[in-house]
């Protein structure tokens, strides 16, 4: 599953990459190279980050599901016990 970014997100990331290079490297980076670096990161690093995020979300959901009976339990046949 390829990671697709919206145009605005992509542009903001390219701006961030360029800013990072300006602040931390000996020379800046142009739009083309920043776009190529972003593409590399999405293809090479993105799947690992994505898979970890899915695993974290799955774990969080499983914890919630395990507690479902505690939070959503209703006593049965309680009409006569209230009187």
N, C-alpha and C. Protein backbone atom coordinates (compact mmCIF):
# COMPACT_ATOMS: atom_id res chain seq x y z
N UNK A 1 0.84 -1.17 0.00
CA UNK A 1 0.00 0.00 0.00
C UNK A 1 0.89 1.24 0.00
N UNK A 2 0.86 1.99 -1.06
CA UNK A 2 1.68 3.19 -1.17
C UNK A 2 1.11 4.29 -0.28
N UNK A 3 2.00 5.05 0.34
CA UNK A 3 1.58 6.16 1.18
C UNK A 3 1.40 7.38 0.30
N UNK A 4 0.19 7.89 0.28
CA UNK A 4 -0.14 9.06 -0.54
C UNK A 4 -0.40 10.24 0.38
N UNK A 5 0.22 11.35 0.08
CA UNK A 5 0.01 12.57 0.84
C UNK A 5 -0.79 13.56 0.02
N UNK A 6 -1.55 14.38 0.70
CA UNK A 6 -2.25 15.45 0.02
C UNK A 6 -1.25 16.49 -0.46
N UNK A 7 -1.63 17.26 -1.46
CA UNK A 7 -0.73 18.25 -2.06
C UNK A 7 -0.25 19.26 -1.01
N UNK A 8 -1.17 19.73 -0.17
CA UNK A 8 -0.78 20.72 0.85
C UNK A 8 0.20 20.13 1.86
N UNK A 9 -0.04 18.90 2.28
CA UNK A 9 0.86 18.23 3.22
C UNK A 9 2.23 18.04 2.59
N UNK A 10 2.25 17.61 1.34
CA UNK A 10 3.52 17.42 0.63
C UNK A 10 4.30 18.72 0.55
N UNK A 11 3.63 19.80 0.21
CA UNK A 11 4.31 21.10 0.10
C UNK A 11 4.84 21.56 1.46
N UNK A 12 4.07 21.34 2.50
CA UNK A 12 4.53 21.72 3.84
C UNK A 12 5.74 20.90 4.26
N UNK A 13 5.76 19.62 3.91
CA UNK A 13 6.90 18.78 4.24
C UNK A 13 8.14 19.20 3.46
N UNK A 14 7.98 19.53 2.21
CA UNK A 14 9.11 20.01 1.41
C UNK A 14 9.67 21.29 2.01
N UNK A 15 8.80 22.19 2.41
CA UNK A 15 9.24 23.43 3.06
C UNK A 15 9.99 23.11 4.35
N UNK A 16 9.49 22.15 5.11
CA UNK A 16 10.15 21.77 6.35
C UNK A 16 11.52 21.16 6.09
N UNK A 17 11.62 20.31 5.08
CA UNK A 17 12.92 19.71 4.73
C UNK A 17 13.91 20.80 4.34
N UNK A 18 13.47 21.72 3.52
CA UNK A 18 14.36 22.82 3.10
C UNK A 18 14.80 23.65 4.30
N UNK A 19 13.87 23.92 5.20
CA UNK A 19 14.18 24.69 6.40
C UNK A 19 15.18 23.94 7.28
N UNK A 20 14.99 22.62 7.42
CA UNK A 20 15.91 21.80 8.20
C UNK A 20 17.33 21.89 7.62
N UNK A 21 17.44 21.75 6.32
CA UNK A 21 18.76 21.82 5.68
C UNK A 21 19.39 23.20 5.87
N UNK A 22 18.60 24.24 5.75
CA UNK A 22 19.13 25.59 5.94
C UNK A 22 19.66 25.78 7.36
N UNK A 23 18.96 25.21 8.34
CA UNK A 23 19.34 25.40 9.74
C UNK A 23 20.44 24.45 10.22
N UNK A 24 20.53 23.27 9.61
CA UNK A 24 21.41 22.24 10.19
C UNK A 24 22.50 21.70 9.28
N UNK A 25 22.48 22.03 8.04
CA UNK A 25 23.48 21.51 7.11
C UNK A 25 24.34 22.66 6.57
N UNK A 26 25.47 22.27 5.98
CA UNK A 26 26.39 23.28 5.46
C UNK A 26 25.83 24.01 4.24
N UNK A 27 24.94 23.36 3.53
CA UNK A 27 24.33 24.00 2.36
C UNK A 27 22.84 23.68 2.32
N UNK A 28 22.12 24.54 1.66
CA UNK A 28 20.69 24.36 1.55
C UNK A 28 20.33 23.28 0.55
N UNK A 29 19.06 23.12 0.34
CA UNK A 29 18.55 22.11 -0.59
C UNK A 29 17.41 22.75 -1.37
N UNK A 30 17.35 22.46 -2.66
CA UNK A 30 16.30 23.02 -3.50
C UNK A 30 15.03 22.19 -3.45
N UNK A 31 14.00 22.69 -4.10
CA UNK A 31 12.71 21.99 -4.12
C UNK A 31 12.81 20.59 -4.71
N UNK A 32 13.54 20.44 -5.82
CA UNK A 32 13.64 19.14 -6.47
C UNK A 32 14.30 18.12 -5.55
N UNK A 33 15.41 18.49 -4.96
CA UNK A 33 16.10 17.56 -4.06
C UNK A 33 15.29 17.29 -2.80
N UNK A 34 14.62 18.30 -2.30
CA UNK A 34 13.75 18.09 -1.13
C UNK A 34 12.61 17.14 -1.48
N UNK A 35 12.05 17.28 -2.66
CA UNK A 35 10.97 16.39 -3.11
C UNK A 35 11.50 14.96 -3.27
N UNK A 36 12.72 14.82 -3.81
CA UNK A 36 13.32 13.50 -3.97
C UNK A 36 13.59 12.86 -2.61
N UNK A 37 14.07 13.65 -1.65
CA UNK A 37 14.31 13.14 -0.30
C UNK A 37 13.00 12.71 0.35
N UNK A 38 11.96 13.52 0.18
CA UNK A 38 10.65 13.17 0.72
C UNK A 38 10.14 11.87 0.09
N UNK A 39 10.30 11.73 -1.21
CA UNK A 39 9.88 10.50 -1.89
C UNK A 39 10.64 9.30 -1.35
N UNK A 40 11.95 9.44 -1.16
CA UNK A 40 12.75 8.36 -0.58
C UNK A 40 12.25 7.99 0.81
N UNK A 41 12.01 8.99 1.64
CA UNK A 41 11.54 8.74 3.01
C UNK A 41 10.19 8.03 3.00
N UNK A 42 9.30 8.47 2.13
CA UNK A 42 7.99 7.84 2.06
C UNK A 42 8.09 6.39 1.62
N UNK A 43 8.96 6.12 0.67
CA UNK A 43 9.09 4.76 0.15
C UNK A 43 9.90 3.84 1.06
N UNK A 44 10.94 4.38 1.67
CA UNK A 44 11.86 3.55 2.45
C UNK A 44 11.50 3.53 3.94
N UNK A 45 11.19 4.67 4.51
CA UNK A 45 10.90 4.76 5.94
C UNK A 45 9.40 4.68 6.24
N UNK A 46 8.61 5.21 5.34
CA UNK A 46 7.17 5.31 5.53
C UNK A 46 6.49 4.00 5.91
N UNK A 47 6.74 2.90 5.18
CA UNK A 47 6.06 1.65 5.51
C UNK A 47 6.34 1.17 6.94
N UNK A 48 7.56 1.32 7.42
CA UNK A 48 7.88 0.90 8.79
C UNK A 48 7.13 1.75 9.81
N UNK A 49 7.09 3.04 9.58
CA UNK A 49 6.37 3.94 10.48
C UNK A 49 4.88 3.66 10.41
N UNK A 50 4.36 3.48 9.22
CA UNK A 50 2.95 3.18 9.02
C UNK A 50 2.56 1.87 9.72
N UNK A 51 3.37 0.84 9.53
CA UNK A 51 3.08 -0.46 10.14
C UNK A 51 3.10 -0.37 11.67
N UNK A 52 4.04 0.40 12.22
CA UNK A 52 4.09 0.58 13.67
C UNK A 52 2.86 1.34 14.16
N UNK A 53 2.43 2.34 13.43
CA UNK A 53 1.24 3.09 13.80
C UNK A 53 0.01 2.19 13.79
N UNK A 54 -0.10 1.34 12.79
CA UNK A 54 -1.22 0.40 12.72
C UNK A 54 -1.16 -0.58 13.90
N UNK A 55 0.02 -1.08 14.22
CA UNK A 55 0.17 -2.01 15.35
C UNK A 55 -0.20 -1.31 16.67
N UNK A 56 0.21 -0.05 16.83
CA UNK A 56 -0.14 0.70 18.03
C UNK A 56 -1.65 0.92 18.12
N UNK A 57 -2.27 1.27 17.00
CA UNK A 57 -3.72 1.49 16.98
C UNK A 57 -4.45 0.18 17.27
N UNK A 58 -3.98 -0.91 16.71
CA UNK A 58 -4.60 -2.21 16.94
C UNK A 58 -4.49 -2.60 18.41
N UNK A 59 -3.34 -2.36 19.01
CA UNK A 59 -3.14 -2.67 20.42
C UNK A 59 -4.07 -1.83 21.29
N UNK A 60 -4.18 -0.55 20.99
CA UNK A 60 -5.08 0.33 21.75
C UNK A 60 -6.53 -0.12 21.62
N UNK A 61 -6.92 -0.51 20.42
CA UNK A 61 -8.29 -0.98 20.20
C UNK A 61 -8.54 -2.30 20.94
N UNK A 62 -7.57 -3.19 20.93
CA UNK A 62 -7.73 -4.46 21.63
C UNK A 62 -7.86 -4.26 23.13
N UNK A 63 -7.13 -3.27 23.68
CA UNK A 63 -7.27 -2.95 25.10
C UNK A 63 -8.67 -2.44 25.39
N UNK A 64 -9.19 -1.59 24.51
CA UNK A 64 -10.55 -1.07 24.69
C UNK A 64 -11.58 -2.19 24.59
N UNK A 65 -11.40 -3.08 23.64
CA UNK A 65 -12.33 -4.19 23.45
C UNK A 65 -12.30 -5.12 24.67
N UNK A 66 -11.10 -5.33 25.22
CA UNK A 66 -10.98 -6.20 26.39
C UNK A 66 -11.74 -5.62 27.58
N UNK A 67 -11.86 -4.31 27.66
CA UNK A 67 -12.56 -3.66 28.76
C UNK A 67 -14.03 -3.39 28.43
N UNK A 68 -14.48 -3.79 27.27
CA UNK A 68 -15.84 -3.51 26.83
C UNK A 68 -16.88 -4.08 27.78
N UNK A 69 -16.66 -5.31 28.23
CA UNK A 69 -17.65 -5.91 29.12
C UNK A 69 -17.73 -5.19 30.47
N UNK A 70 -16.66 -4.58 30.91
CA UNK A 70 -16.66 -3.83 32.17
C UNK A 70 -17.45 -2.53 32.03
N UNK A 71 -17.22 -1.82 30.94
CA UNK A 71 -17.84 -0.51 30.74
C UNK A 71 -19.26 -0.61 30.18
N UNK A 72 -19.57 -1.66 29.50
CA UNK A 72 -20.86 -1.76 28.82
C UNK A 72 -21.71 -2.91 29.34
N UNK A 73 -21.50 -3.29 30.57
CA UNK A 73 -22.26 -4.41 31.13
C UNK A 73 -23.49 -3.86 31.83
N UNK A 74 -24.60 -4.52 31.65
CA UNK A 74 -25.84 -4.17 32.32
C UNK A 74 -26.36 -5.42 33.02
N UNK A 75 -26.69 -5.27 34.31
CA UNK A 75 -27.23 -6.41 35.06
C UNK A 75 -28.57 -6.83 34.47
N UNK A 76 -28.73 -8.11 34.36
CA UNK A 76 -29.97 -8.65 33.81
C UNK A 76 -30.98 -8.92 34.93
N UNK A 77 -32.19 -8.94 34.57
CA UNK A 77 -33.29 -9.30 35.47
C UNK A 77 -33.25 -8.46 36.76
N UNK A 78 -33.06 -7.18 36.60
CA UNK A 78 -32.92 -6.33 37.79
C UNK A 78 -34.21 -5.59 38.16
N UNK A 79 -35.29 -5.83 37.44
CA UNK A 79 -36.54 -5.12 37.71
C UNK A 79 -37.01 -5.35 39.14
N UNK A 80 -37.05 -6.61 39.57
CA UNK A 80 -37.60 -6.93 40.90
C UNK A 80 -36.62 -6.57 42.02
N UNK A 81 -35.35 -6.51 41.72
CA UNK A 81 -34.39 -6.19 42.78
C UNK A 81 -34.40 -4.70 43.12
N UNK A 82 -34.97 -3.86 42.26
CA UNK A 82 -35.04 -2.42 42.52
C UNK A 82 -36.16 -2.10 43.51
N UNK A 83 -37.13 -2.98 43.63
CA UNK A 83 -38.31 -2.69 44.48
C UNK A 83 -38.11 -3.14 45.89
